[in-house]
Amino acid sequence: MRVLVADDQTLVRTGFRVILEAEGDIAVVAEADTGTEAIRQAQLVEPDVILMDIRMPGLDGLSATEEIRRHPNAPTIIVLTTFDQNEYIYRALRAGAAGFLLKDSPSTRLVAAVRAAATGDSLIEPAITQRLVERFVEPVQPQELPPELAALTDRERDVLRLIARGLSNAEIAAELVVAETTVKTHVARVLTKLGIRDRVQAVVVAYETGFVTRH
């Protein structure tokens, strides 16, 4: 798995490189300290996954994400964030980010996020999901079953609940005691039936309809 790390702090980039390359099957093929450099390196080395910081000098990470995602076969982008950056999260969603990772997440979470992204999955920190929902989703009284979700099977609804909790496919498979390939099939069907692009949008739908509540 080929990874580009974009962050303006040298220590952060170095730390991520050490953690990821210790896995053996993950290579950090380039680094960038600005959004402009991230765009250049993305075109030059064609990574599978980009870890993108939001705040960088010059062109910021969100603008870089928007530009990179405009191109065909664009790499998957995981946005690095902190709790004081809630206002950027929705813009990152619109820009095409596939996941969010707190900068102080455990190393195992970083590796899991990269592995998930490289296989077309995504990993959203549950804490970030909670902040996103609190900021952008109006409270809805729970219903017996929102009409938008009527087409989903019971198992697909189970999967949607776990997606809303921020679990990756591998974590959902462990929770439901099924194969990860089965989970991927369920996720694909959920997205198709709801008419949405990715699991990040599925999280928003789950909360907006009251199918999943904040607490």
N, C-alpha and C. Protein backbone atom coordinates (compact mmCIF):
# COMPACT_ATOMS: atom_id res chain seq x y z
N MET A 1 0.84 -1.19 0.00
CA MET A 1 0.00 0.00 0.00
C MET A 1 0.88 1.24 0.00
N ARG A 2 0.63 2.12 -0.93
CA ARG A 2 1.45 3.31 -1.11
C ARG A 2 0.76 4.53 -0.48
N VAL A 3 1.47 5.19 0.42
CA VAL A 3 0.87 6.27 1.19
C VAL A 3 1.66 7.57 1.02
N LEU A 4 0.92 8.66 0.87
CA LEU A 4 1.50 10.01 0.88
C LEU A 4 1.06 10.69 2.17
N VAL A 5 2.01 11.23 2.92
CA VAL A 5 1.70 11.92 4.16
C VAL A 5 1.87 13.42 3.95
N ALA A 6 0.79 14.18 4.11
CA ALA A 6 0.83 15.64 3.93
C ALA A 6 0.55 16.32 5.27
N ASP A 7 1.57 16.92 5.84
CA ASP A 7 1.44 17.63 7.12
C ASP A 7 2.60 18.60 7.22
N ASP A 8 2.35 19.79 7.76
CA ASP A 8 3.41 20.78 7.79
C ASP A 8 4.38 20.58 8.95
N GLN A 9 4.12 19.61 9.82
CA GLN A 9 5.02 19.33 10.93
C GLN A 9 5.90 18.12 10.62
N THR A 10 7.19 18.34 10.61
CA THR A 10 8.14 17.27 10.27
C THR A 10 8.02 16.09 11.22
N LEU A 11 7.86 16.38 12.51
CA LEU A 11 7.78 15.30 13.50
C LEU A 11 6.54 14.43 13.27
N VAL A 12 5.44 15.04 12.89
CA VAL A 12 4.22 14.28 12.60
C VAL A 12 4.44 13.36 11.41
N ARG A 13 5.01 13.90 10.34
CA ARG A 13 5.26 13.09 9.14
C ARG A 13 6.20 11.93 9.47
N THR A 14 7.24 12.23 10.21
CA THR A 14 8.22 11.19 10.57
C THR A 14 7.57 10.12 11.43
N GLY A 15 6.77 10.54 12.38
CA GLY A 15 6.10 9.59 13.26
C GLY A 15 5.17 8.67 12.50
N PHE A 16 4.39 9.25 11.57
CA PHE A 16 3.50 8.43 10.76
C PHE A 16 4.28 7.46 9.89
N ARG A 17 5.38 7.93 9.32
CA ARG A 17 6.21 7.06 8.47
C ARG A 17 6.72 5.85 9.27
N VAL A 18 7.23 6.11 10.45
CA VAL A 18 7.77 5.03 11.28
C VAL A 18 6.69 4.00 11.62
N ILE A 19 5.53 4.50 12.02
CA ILE A 19 4.43 3.61 12.39
C ILE A 19 3.97 2.77 11.20
N LEU A 20 3.76 3.42 10.07
CA LEU A 20 3.22 2.71 8.91
C LEU A 20 4.21 1.74 8.30
N GLU A 21 5.47 2.14 8.17
CA GLU A 21 6.45 1.28 7.51
C GLU A 21 6.87 0.11 8.39
N ALA A 22 6.57 0.18 9.67
CA ALA A 22 6.83 -0.95 10.56
C ALA A 22 5.92 -2.13 10.22
N GLU A 23 4.85 -1.85 9.46
CA GLU A 23 3.90 -2.91 9.11
C GLU A 23 4.42 -3.83 8.01
N GLY A 24 5.39 -3.36 7.26
CA GLY A 24 5.98 -4.23 6.24
C GLY A 24 5.31 -4.14 4.88
N ASP A 25 3.98 -4.06 4.86
CA ASP A 25 3.28 -4.02 3.58
C ASP A 25 2.77 -2.62 3.25
N ILE A 26 3.19 -1.62 4.02
CA ILE A 26 2.80 -0.23 3.78
C ILE A 26 4.06 0.59 3.55
N ALA A 27 4.08 1.36 2.47
CA ALA A 27 5.23 2.21 2.18
C ALA A 27 4.80 3.67 2.07
N VAL A 28 5.49 4.54 2.79
CA VAL A 28 5.27 5.98 2.63
C VAL A 28 6.14 6.42 1.46
N VAL A 29 5.49 6.67 0.33
CA VAL A 29 6.23 6.91 -0.91
C VAL A 29 6.57 8.38 -1.11
N ALA A 30 5.94 9.26 -0.33
CA ALA A 30 6.25 10.69 -0.45
C ALA A 30 5.68 11.44 0.74
N GLU A 31 6.23 12.64 0.96
CA GLU A 31 5.74 13.52 2.01
C GLU A 31 5.51 14.90 1.41
N ALA A 32 4.64 15.68 2.04
CA ALA A 32 4.37 17.05 1.60
C ALA A 32 4.11 17.91 2.82
N ASP A 33 4.58 19.17 2.76
CA ASP A 33 4.35 20.06 3.90
C ASP A 33 3.41 21.22 3.56
N THR A 34 2.87 21.21 2.34
CA THR A 34 1.87 22.20 1.92
C THR A 34 0.83 21.51 1.05
N GLY A 35 -0.32 22.15 0.89
CA GLY A 35 -1.34 21.60 0.02
C GLY A 35 -0.88 21.54 -1.43
N THR A 36 -0.15 22.56 -1.87
CA THR A 36 0.35 22.58 -3.24
C THR A 36 1.30 21.42 -3.50
N GLU A 37 2.17 21.15 -2.53
CA GLU A 37 3.12 20.05 -2.67
C GLU A 37 2.38 18.70 -2.63
N ALA A 38 1.31 18.63 -1.85
CA ALA A 38 0.53 17.39 -1.79
C ALA A 38 -0.08 17.07 -3.15
N ILE A 39 -0.59 18.10 -3.82
CA ILE A 39 -1.15 17.91 -5.16
C ILE A 39 -0.06 17.43 -6.12
N ARG A 40 1.10 18.07 -6.06
CA ARG A 40 2.20 17.70 -6.95
C ARG A 40 2.65 16.27 -6.71
N GLN A 41 2.82 15.91 -5.44
CA GLN A 41 3.28 14.57 -5.12
C GLN A 41 2.23 13.51 -5.47
N ALA A 42 0.96 13.86 -5.31
CA ALA A 42 -0.11 12.91 -5.66
C ALA A 42 -0.05 12.56 -7.14
N GLN A 43 0.24 13.54 -7.97
CA GLN A 43 0.34 13.31 -9.40
C GLN A 43 1.63 12.56 -9.75
N LEU A 44 2.68 12.84 -8.97
CA LEU A 44 4.00 12.28 -9.27
C LEU A 44 4.12 10.81 -8.87
N VAL A 45 3.67 10.48 -7.65
CA VAL A 45 3.90 9.13 -7.13
C VAL A 45 2.66 8.23 -7.15
N GLU A 46 1.49 8.82 -7.42
CA GLU A 46 0.24 8.08 -7.52
C GLU A 46 0.02 7.13 -6.32
N PRO A 47 -0.14 7.70 -5.14
CA PRO A 47 -0.34 6.87 -3.95
C PRO A 47 -1.73 6.24 -3.93
N ASP A 48 -1.89 5.21 -3.12
CA ASP A 48 -3.21 4.61 -2.92
C ASP A 48 -4.01 5.42 -1.90
N VAL A 49 -3.30 5.94 -0.90
CA VAL A 49 -3.94 6.65 0.20
C VAL A 49 -3.14 7.91 0.52
N ILE A 50 -3.85 8.99 0.85
CA ILE A 50 -3.20 10.21 1.32
C ILE A 50 -3.71 10.53 2.72
N LEU A 51 -2.77 10.76 3.63
CA LEU A 51 -3.11 11.31 4.95
C LEU A 51 -2.94 12.81 4.84
N MET A 52 -4.03 13.56 4.94
CA MET A 52 -4.01 14.99 4.63
C MET A 52 -4.34 15.85 5.85
N ASP A 53 -3.37 16.64 6.28
CA ASP A 53 -3.62 17.60 7.35
C ASP A 53 -4.48 18.73 6.80
N ILE A 54 -5.26 19.36 7.67
CA ILE A 54 -6.11 20.46 7.23
C ILE A 54 -5.32 21.76 7.15
N ARG A 55 -4.65 22.10 8.22
CA ARG A 55 -3.97 23.39 8.29
C ARG A 55 -2.52 23.27 7.85
N MET A 56 -2.27 23.82 6.66
CA MET A 56 -0.91 23.87 6.13
C MET A 56 -0.72 25.24 5.50
N PRO A 57 0.52 25.71 5.44
CA PRO A 57 0.76 27.04 4.85
C PRO A 57 0.41 27.08 3.37
N GLY A 58 0.00 28.26 2.92
CA GLY A 58 -0.40 28.40 1.52
C GLY A 58 -1.73 27.72 1.29
N LEU A 59 -1.77 26.82 0.33
CA LEU A 59 -2.99 26.07 0.03
C LEU A 59 -3.25 25.07 1.15
N ASP A 60 -4.44 25.11 1.75
CA ASP A 60 -4.71 24.21 2.87
C ASP A 60 -5.09 22.82 2.39
N GLY A 61 -5.19 21.89 3.34
CA GLY A 61 -5.45 20.50 3.01
C GLY A 61 -6.81 20.26 2.38
N LEU A 62 -7.80 21.06 2.74
CA LEU A 62 -9.13 20.88 2.16
C LEU A 62 -9.16 21.28 0.69
N SER A 63 -8.51 22.40 0.39
CA SER A 63 -8.43 22.83 -1.02
C SER A 63 -7.65 21.81 -1.83
N ALA A 64 -6.59 21.27 -1.23
CA ALA A 64 -5.79 20.24 -1.92
C ALA A 64 -6.63 18.99 -2.15
N THR A 65 -7.43 18.62 -1.16
CA THR A 65 -8.31 17.45 -1.29
C THR A 65 -9.29 17.65 -2.45
N GLU A 66 -9.91 18.84 -2.50
CA GLU A 66 -10.85 19.14 -3.58
C GLU A 66 -10.18 18.99 -4.95
N GLU A 67 -8.97 19.51 -5.07
CA GLU A 67 -8.26 19.46 -6.35
C GLU A 67 -7.89 18.03 -6.72
N ILE A 68 -7.35 17.28 -5.77
CA ILE A 68 -6.92 15.91 -6.05
C ILE A 68 -8.10 15.03 -6.42
N ARG A 69 -9.22 15.21 -5.74
CA ARG A 69 -10.39 14.35 -5.97
C ARG A 69 -11.10 14.66 -7.30
N ARG A 70 -10.74 15.76 -7.94
CA ARG A 70 -11.33 16.08 -9.25
C ARG A 70 -10.82 15.15 -10.35
N HIS A 71 -9.66 14.55 -10.12
CA HIS A 71 -9.02 13.75 -11.16
C HIS A 71 -9.54 12.31 -11.16
N PRO A 72 -9.59 11.67 -12.32
CA PRO A 72 -10.01 10.27 -12.39
C PRO A 72 -9.05 9.38 -11.59
N ASN A 73 -9.56 8.31 -11.03
CA ASN A 73 -8.75 7.36 -10.27
C ASN A 73 -7.96 8.05 -9.15
N ALA A 74 -8.58 9.04 -8.54
CA ALA A 74 -7.90 9.77 -7.46
C ALA A 74 -7.70 8.85 -6.25
N PRO A 75 -6.62 9.06 -5.50
CA PRO A 75 -6.39 8.25 -4.31
C PRO A 75 -7.43 8.54 -3.23
N THR A 76 -7.58 7.61 -2.32
CA THR A 76 -8.45 7.82 -1.17
C THR A 76 -7.76 8.78 -0.20
N ILE A 77 -8.51 9.72 0.34
CA ILE A 77 -7.91 10.72 1.22
C ILE A 77 -8.52 10.64 2.62
N ILE A 78 -7.65 10.50 3.61
CA ILE A 78 -8.05 10.53 5.02
C ILE A 78 -7.62 11.87 5.58
N VAL A 79 -8.57 12.61 6.12
CA VAL A 79 -8.26 13.93 6.66
C VAL A 79 -7.84 13.81 8.12
N LEU A 80 -6.72 14.43 8.44
CA LEU A 80 -6.22 14.47 9.81
C LEU A 80 -6.80 15.70 10.50
N THR A 81 -7.35 15.52 11.68
CA THR A 81 -8.03 16.63 12.32
C THR A 81 -7.82 16.61 13.83
N THR A 82 -8.23 17.69 14.45
CA THR A 82 -8.24 17.78 15.91
C THR A 82 -9.61 18.30 16.31
N PHE A 83 -9.92 18.24 17.59
CA PHE A 83 -11.26 18.59 18.03
C PHE A 83 -11.61 20.06 17.82
N ASP A 84 -10.62 20.92 17.59
CA ASP A 84 -10.95 22.33 17.41
C ASP A 84 -11.20 22.66 15.94
N GLN A 85 -11.37 21.65 15.11
CA GLN A 85 -11.54 21.88 13.68
C GLN A 85 -12.89 21.39 13.15
N ASN A 86 -13.90 21.40 14.02
CA ASN A 86 -15.22 20.90 13.61
C ASN A 86 -15.76 21.61 12.37
N GLU A 87 -15.47 22.93 12.27
CA GLU A 87 -16.04 23.70 11.17
C GLU A 87 -15.54 23.23 9.81
N TYR A 88 -14.43 22.49 9.80
CA TYR A 88 -13.87 22.04 8.53
C TYR A 88 -14.40 20.69 8.09
N ILE A 89 -15.01 19.95 9.01
CA ILE A 89 -15.34 18.56 8.71
C ILE A 89 -16.36 18.45 7.58
N TYR A 90 -17.40 19.28 7.61
CA TYR A 90 -18.42 19.20 6.57
C TYR A 90 -17.85 19.55 5.20
N ARG A 91 -16.97 20.54 5.17
CA ARG A 91 -16.34 20.90 3.90
C ARG A 91 -15.48 19.73 3.39
N ALA A 92 -14.83 19.04 4.30
CA ALA A 92 -14.02 17.89 3.90
C ALA A 92 -14.89 16.79 3.31
N LEU A 93 -16.08 16.60 3.87
CA LEU A 93 -17.02 15.63 3.31
C LEU A 93 -17.38 15.99 1.88
N ARG A 94 -17.70 17.25 1.68
CA ARG A 94 -18.07 17.70 0.33
C ARG A 94 -16.90 17.59 -0.63
N ALA A 95 -15.68 17.72 -0.10
CA ALA A 95 -14.49 17.66 -0.96
C ALA A 95 -14.17 16.24 -1.39
N GLY A 96 -14.77 15.27 -0.72
CA GLY A 96 -14.54 13.88 -1.12
C GLY A 96 -13.66 13.08 -0.20
N ALA A 97 -13.42 13.58 1.02
CA ALA A 97 -12.63 12.82 1.98
C ALA A 97 -13.37 11.54 2.35
N ALA A 98 -12.63 10.45 2.48
CA ALA A 98 -13.25 9.16 2.77
C ALA A 98 -13.27 8.84 4.25
N GLY A 99 -12.51 9.59 5.03
CA GLY A 99 -12.47 9.30 6.45
C GLY A 99 -11.76 10.41 7.21
N PHE A 100 -11.87 10.30 8.52
CA PHE A 100 -11.25 11.29 9.40
C PHE A 100 -10.48 10.56 10.48
N LEU A 101 -9.35 11.12 10.86
CA LEU A 101 -8.53 10.51 11.90
C LEU A 101 -8.02 11.61 12.82
N LEU A 102 -8.21 11.39 14.11
CA LEU A 102 -7.65 12.34 15.07
C LEU A 102 -6.14 12.20 15.09
N LYS A 103 -5.45 13.33 15.16
CA LYS A 103 -3.99 13.31 15.12
C LYS A 103 -3.37 12.54 16.29
N ASP A 104 -4.10 12.51 17.40
CA ASP A 104 -3.54 11.81 18.56
C ASP A 104 -4.11 10.41 18.71
N SER A 105 -4.64 9.85 17.62
CA SER A 105 -5.17 8.48 17.67
C SER A 105 -4.04 7.49 17.92
N PRO A 106 -4.37 6.34 18.54
CA PRO A 106 -3.35 5.30 18.73
C PRO A 106 -2.80 4.82 17.38
N SER A 107 -1.59 4.31 17.40
CA SER A 107 -0.95 3.85 16.17
C SER A 107 -1.76 2.75 15.49
N THR A 108 -2.43 1.91 16.28
CA THR A 108 -3.24 0.85 15.68
C THR A 108 -4.39 1.41 14.87
N ARG A 109 -4.92 2.54 15.33
CA ARG A 109 -6.03 3.19 14.62
C ARG A 109 -5.54 3.79 13.30
N LEU A 110 -4.35 4.35 13.30
CA LEU A 110 -3.76 4.90 12.09
C LEU A 110 -3.59 3.80 11.05
N VAL A 111 -3.01 2.69 11.46
CA VAL A 111 -2.80 1.57 10.54
C VAL A 111 -4.13 1.04 10.02
N ALA A 112 -5.11 0.91 10.91
CA ALA A 112 -6.43 0.41 10.50
C ALA A 112 -7.07 1.35 9.49
N ALA A 113 -6.92 2.65 9.69
CA ALA A 113 -7.51 3.62 8.77
C ALA A 113 -6.89 3.51 7.38
N VAL A 114 -5.57 3.36 7.32
CA VAL A 114 -4.88 3.23 6.03
C VAL A 114 -5.29 1.93 5.33
N ARG A 115 -5.33 0.85 6.09
CA ARG A 115 -5.72 -0.43 5.49
C ARG A 115 -7.16 -0.37 4.96
N ALA A 116 -8.05 0.24 5.74
CA ALA A 116 -9.44 0.35 5.31
C ALA A 116 -9.55 1.18 4.04
N ALA A 117 -8.85 2.31 4.01
CA ALA A 117 -8.91 3.20 2.85
C ALA A 117 -8.37 2.52 1.60
N ALA A 118 -7.30 1.74 1.76
CA ALA A 118 -6.67 1.10 0.61
C ALA A 118 -7.55 0.04 -0.02
N THR A 119 -8.53 -0.47 0.74
CA THR A 119 -9.42 -1.50 0.21
C THR A 119 -10.80 -0.94 -0.15
N GLY A 120 -10.90 0.40 -0.20
CA GLY A 120 -12.16 1.01 -0.57
C GLY A 120 -13.11 1.20 0.58
N ASP A 121 -12.66 0.86 1.79
CA ASP A 121 -13.45 1.05 2.99
C ASP A 121 -13.11 2.43 3.53
N SER A 122 -13.69 2.80 4.65
CA SER A 122 -13.28 4.03 5.30
C SER A 122 -13.45 3.88 6.80
N LEU A 123 -12.71 4.66 7.52
CA LEU A 123 -12.78 4.60 8.97
C LEU A 123 -12.95 6.01 9.50
N ILE A 124 -14.02 6.21 10.23
CA ILE A 124 -14.29 7.52 10.81
C ILE A 124 -14.27 7.36 12.32
N GLU A 125 -13.42 8.13 12.99
CA GLU A 125 -13.37 8.04 14.44
C GLU A 125 -14.76 8.26 15.02
N PRO A 126 -15.24 7.37 15.87
CA PRO A 126 -16.55 7.57 16.49
C PRO A 126 -16.68 8.94 17.17
N ALA A 127 -15.61 9.40 17.78
CA ALA A 127 -15.65 10.72 18.44
C ALA A 127 -15.88 11.83 17.42
N ILE A 128 -15.29 11.69 16.24
CA ILE A 128 -15.49 12.69 15.19
C ILE A 128 -16.91 12.62 14.66
N THR A 129 -17.42 11.40 14.50
CA THR A 129 -18.80 11.23 14.06
C THR A 129 -19.75 11.96 15.01
N GLN A 130 -19.51 11.79 16.31
CA GLN A 130 -20.37 12.42 17.31
C GLN A 130 -20.32 13.94 17.17
N ARG A 131 -19.12 14.50 17.01
CA ARG A 131 -19.00 15.95 16.89
C ARG A 131 -19.65 16.44 15.59
N LEU A 132 -19.49 15.67 14.53
CA LEU A 132 -20.10 16.02 13.25
C LEU A 132 -21.61 16.08 13.37
N VAL A 133 -22.16 15.06 13.99
CA VAL A 133 -23.61 14.99 14.15
C VAL A 133 -24.12 16.13 15.02
N GLU A 134 -23.44 16.39 16.12
CA GLU A 134 -23.86 17.45 17.03
C GLU A 134 -23.83 18.82 16.34
N ARG A 135 -22.89 18.99 15.44
CA ARG A 135 -22.72 20.29 14.79
C ARG A 135 -23.68 20.49 13.63
N PHE A 136 -23.92 19.46 12.85
CA PHE A 136 -24.61 19.64 11.58
C PHE A 136 -25.98 18.97 11.46
N VAL A 137 -26.31 18.07 12.36
CA VAL A 137 -27.56 17.34 12.23
C VAL A 137 -28.54 17.78 13.30
N GLU A 138 -29.73 18.20 12.86
CA GLU A 138 -30.76 18.61 13.80
C GLU A 138 -31.33 17.38 14.52
N PRO A 139 -31.63 17.51 15.82
CA PRO A 139 -32.20 16.37 16.54
C PRO A 139 -33.52 15.93 15.92
N VAL A 140 -33.71 14.63 15.86
CA VAL A 140 -34.94 14.07 15.32
C VAL A 140 -35.48 13.07 16.33
N GLN A 141 -36.77 13.11 16.59
CA GLN A 141 -37.36 12.13 17.48
C GLN A 141 -37.32 10.75 16.82
N PRO A 142 -36.85 9.74 17.54
CA PRO A 142 -36.78 8.40 16.94
C PRO A 142 -38.16 7.94 16.45
N GLN A 143 -38.15 7.27 15.33
CA GLN A 143 -39.38 6.72 14.78
C GLN A 143 -39.27 5.20 14.79
N GLU A 144 -40.39 4.52 14.56
CA GLU A 144 -40.34 3.07 14.49
C GLU A 144 -39.41 2.64 13.36
N LEU A 145 -39.60 3.21 12.20
CA LEU A 145 -38.69 2.97 11.09
C LEU A 145 -38.83 4.11 10.09
N PRO A 146 -37.79 4.91 9.92
CA PRO A 146 -37.86 6.00 8.94
C PRO A 146 -38.18 5.44 7.56
N PRO A 147 -39.06 6.10 6.83
CA PRO A 147 -39.44 5.59 5.51
C PRO A 147 -38.26 5.44 4.55
N GLU A 148 -37.25 6.29 4.72
CA GLU A 148 -36.07 6.21 3.84
C GLU A 148 -35.37 4.86 3.96
N LEU A 149 -35.56 4.19 5.10
CA LEU A 149 -34.83 2.95 5.35
C LEU A 149 -35.71 1.71 5.17
N ALA A 150 -36.91 1.90 4.69
CA ALA A 150 -37.86 0.78 4.58
C ALA A 150 -37.36 -0.32 3.65
N ALA A 151 -36.55 0.05 2.67
CA ALA A 151 -36.09 -0.94 1.70
C ALA A 151 -34.96 -1.82 2.23
N LEU A 152 -34.39 -1.45 3.36
CA LEU A 152 -33.26 -2.21 3.91
C LEU A 152 -33.74 -3.46 4.64
N THR A 153 -32.97 -4.53 4.52
CA THR A 153 -33.26 -5.74 5.30
C THR A 153 -32.83 -5.52 6.75
N ASP A 154 -33.23 -6.44 7.62
CA ASP A 154 -32.84 -6.32 9.04
C ASP A 154 -31.32 -6.31 9.19
N ARG A 155 -30.65 -7.17 8.45
CA ARG A 155 -29.18 -7.22 8.57
C ARG A 155 -28.55 -5.96 8.01
N GLU A 156 -29.10 -5.41 6.94
CA GLU A 156 -28.58 -4.15 6.39
C GLU A 156 -28.77 -3.01 7.38
N ARG A 157 -29.86 -3.04 8.14
CA ARG A 157 -30.05 -2.01 9.18
C ARG A 157 -29.05 -2.19 10.30
N ASP A 158 -28.75 -3.43 10.65
CA ASP A 158 -27.71 -3.68 11.65
C ASP A 158 -26.38 -3.08 11.20
N VAL A 159 -26.07 -3.30 9.93
CA VAL A 159 -24.82 -2.77 9.38
C VAL A 159 -24.82 -1.25 9.40
N LEU A 160 -25.95 -0.64 9.06
CA LEU A 160 -26.04 0.82 9.07
C LEU A 160 -25.81 1.37 10.48
N ARG A 161 -26.37 0.72 11.49
CA ARG A 161 -26.16 1.17 12.87
C ARG A 161 -24.68 1.16 13.21
N LEU A 162 -23.98 0.13 12.78
CA LEU A 162 -22.55 0.01 13.10
C LEU A 162 -21.72 1.00 12.29
N ILE A 163 -22.13 1.25 11.05
CA ILE A 163 -21.47 2.29 10.26
C ILE A 163 -21.59 3.62 10.98
N ALA A 164 -22.79 3.90 11.51
CA ALA A 164 -23.04 5.17 12.21
C ALA A 164 -22.20 5.29 13.48
N ARG A 165 -21.76 4.18 14.01
CA ARG A 165 -20.88 4.20 15.17
C ARG A 165 -19.42 4.41 14.78
N GLY A 166 -19.15 4.42 13.46
CA GLY A 166 -17.80 4.67 12.98
C GLY A 166 -16.96 3.44 12.77
N LEU A 167 -17.58 2.26 12.75
CA LEU A 167 -16.82 1.03 12.61
C LEU A 167 -16.43 0.78 11.15
N SER A 168 -15.27 0.19 10.95
CA SER A 168 -14.82 -0.21 9.63
C SER A 168 -15.47 -1.54 9.26
N ASN A 169 -15.29 -1.99 8.02
CA ASN A 169 -15.85 -3.27 7.61
C ASN A 169 -15.33 -4.42 8.47
N ALA A 170 -14.03 -4.40 8.75
CA ALA A 170 -13.45 -5.47 9.56
C ALA A 170 -14.05 -5.48 10.97
N GLU A 171 -14.26 -4.30 11.52
CA GLU A 171 -14.84 -4.21 12.87
C GLU A 171 -16.30 -4.64 12.87
N ILE A 172 -17.04 -4.30 11.80
CA ILE A 172 -18.43 -4.73 11.69
C ILE A 172 -18.50 -6.25 11.57
N ALA A 173 -17.59 -6.82 10.78
CA ALA A 173 -17.56 -8.27 10.62
C ALA A 173 -17.35 -8.96 11.96
N ALA A 174 -16.45 -8.41 12.77
CA ALA A 174 -16.19 -9.00 14.09
C ALA A 174 -17.41 -8.85 15.00
N GLU A 175 -18.08 -7.72 14.91
CA GLU A 175 -19.25 -7.46 15.75
C GLU A 175 -20.41 -8.41 15.40
N LEU A 176 -20.59 -8.64 14.10
CA LEU A 176 -21.72 -9.46 13.65
C LEU A 176 -21.35 -10.93 13.45
N VAL A 177 -20.06 -11.23 13.62
CA VAL A 177 -19.55 -12.60 13.45
C VAL A 177 -19.88 -13.13 12.05
N VAL A 178 -19.48 -12.35 11.07
CA VAL A 178 -19.63 -12.75 9.67
C VAL A 178 -18.33 -12.43 8.94
N ALA A 179 -18.22 -12.88 7.71
CA ALA A 179 -17.03 -12.60 6.91
C ALA A 179 -17.01 -11.14 6.48
N GLU A 180 -15.80 -10.60 6.34
CA GLU A 180 -15.68 -9.20 5.91
C GLU A 180 -16.25 -9.00 4.51
N THR A 181 -16.12 -10.01 3.65
CA THR A 181 -16.68 -9.90 2.30
C THR A 181 -18.20 -9.77 2.36
N THR A 182 -18.81 -10.45 3.33
CA THR A 182 -20.27 -10.33 3.51
C THR A 182 -20.64 -8.91 3.91
N VAL A 183 -19.84 -8.33 4.81
CA VAL A 183 -20.09 -6.96 5.24
C VAL A 183 -19.98 -6.01 4.06
N LYS A 184 -18.97 -6.20 3.23
CA LYS A 184 -18.79 -5.33 2.06
C LYS A 184 -20.02 -5.37 1.16
N THR A 185 -20.58 -6.56 1.00
CA THR A 185 -21.78 -6.70 0.18
C THR A 185 -22.95 -5.94 0.81
N HIS A 186 -23.11 -6.08 2.12
CA HIS A 186 -24.19 -5.37 2.82
C HIS A 186 -24.02 -3.86 2.71
N VAL A 187 -22.79 -3.39 2.90
CA VAL A 187 -22.53 -1.95 2.82
C VAL A 187 -22.88 -1.43 1.43
N ALA A 188 -22.45 -2.15 0.40
CA ALA A 188 -22.73 -1.73 -0.97
C ALA A 188 -24.23 -1.65 -1.21
N ARG A 189 -24.98 -2.62 -0.68
CA ARG A 189 -26.44 -2.61 -0.86
C ARG A 189 -27.10 -1.46 -0.10
N VAL A 190 -26.58 -1.17 1.09
CA VAL A 190 -27.12 -0.04 1.87
C VAL A 190 -26.93 1.26 1.09
N LEU A 191 -25.73 1.46 0.56
CA LEU A 191 -25.46 2.69 -0.18
C LEU A 191 -26.34 2.79 -1.42
N THR A 192 -26.49 1.68 -2.12
CA THR A 192 -27.31 1.67 -3.34
C THR A 192 -28.77 1.96 -3.03
N LYS A 193 -29.30 1.30 -2.02
CA LYS A 193 -30.72 1.47 -1.68
C LYS A 193 -31.02 2.88 -1.16
N LEU A 194 -30.04 3.47 -0.46
CA LEU A 194 -30.25 4.82 0.06
C LEU A 194 -29.90 5.89 -0.97
N GLY A 195 -29.30 5.48 -2.09
CA GLY A 195 -28.95 6.42 -3.14
C GLY A 195 -27.87 7.40 -2.73
N ILE A 196 -26.88 6.91 -1.97
CA ILE A 196 -25.81 7.78 -1.49
C ILE A 196 -24.45 7.27 -1.97
N ARG A 197 -23.44 8.13 -1.85
CA ARG A 197 -22.14 7.85 -2.44
C ARG A 197 -21.25 6.99 -1.55
N ASP A 198 -21.23 7.26 -0.25
CA ASP A 198 -20.28 6.57 0.61
C ASP A 198 -20.81 6.43 2.02
N ARG A 199 -20.05 5.77 2.87
CA ARG A 199 -20.50 5.48 4.23
C ARG A 199 -20.53 6.73 5.11
N VAL A 200 -19.78 7.75 4.73
CA VAL A 200 -19.85 9.01 5.48
C VAL A 200 -21.25 9.60 5.36
N GLN A 201 -21.78 9.58 4.14
CA GLN A 201 -23.15 10.05 3.94
C GLN A 201 -24.15 9.14 4.66
N ALA A 202 -23.83 7.86 4.75
CA ALA A 202 -24.70 6.92 5.45
C ALA A 202 -24.82 7.29 6.93
N VAL A 203 -23.71 7.75 7.51
CA VAL A 203 -23.73 8.18 8.91
C VAL A 203 -24.72 9.34 9.08
N VAL A 204 -24.64 10.31 8.19
CA VAL A 204 -25.51 11.47 8.27
C VAL A 204 -26.97 11.06 8.12
N VAL A 205 -27.26 10.18 7.15
CA VAL A 205 -28.64 9.72 6.93
C VAL A 205 -29.16 9.02 8.18
N ALA A 206 -28.33 8.19 8.79
CA ALA A 206 -28.76 7.44 9.97
C ALA A 206 -29.18 8.37 11.10
N TYR A 207 -28.45 9.46 11.27
CA TYR A 207 -28.78 10.40 12.34
C TYR A 207 -29.90 11.35 11.93
N GLU A 208 -29.89 11.80 10.69
CA GLU A 208 -30.91 12.75 10.23
C GLU A 208 -32.31 12.16 10.30
N THR A 209 -32.41 10.87 10.05
CA THR A 209 -33.73 10.22 10.06
C THR A 209 -34.16 9.80 11.45
N GLY A 210 -33.25 9.89 12.44
CA GLY A 210 -33.57 9.43 13.77
C GLY A 210 -33.41 7.93 13.94
N PHE A 211 -32.92 7.25 12.91
CA PHE A 211 -32.69 5.80 12.99
C PHE A 211 -31.64 5.50 14.06
N VAL A 212 -30.63 6.35 14.13
CA VAL A 212 -29.62 6.29 15.19
C VAL A 212 -29.67 7.63 15.90
N THR A 213 -29.62 7.62 17.22
CA THR A 213 -29.67 8.85 17.99
C THR A 213 -28.32 9.16 18.58
N ARG A 214 -28.17 10.37 19.04
CA ARG A 214 -26.86 10.85 19.52
C ARG A 214 -26.38 10.12 20.76
N HIS A 215 -27.28 9.73 21.62
CA HIS A 215 -26.87 9.14 22.89
C HIS A 215 -27.50 7.76 23.08
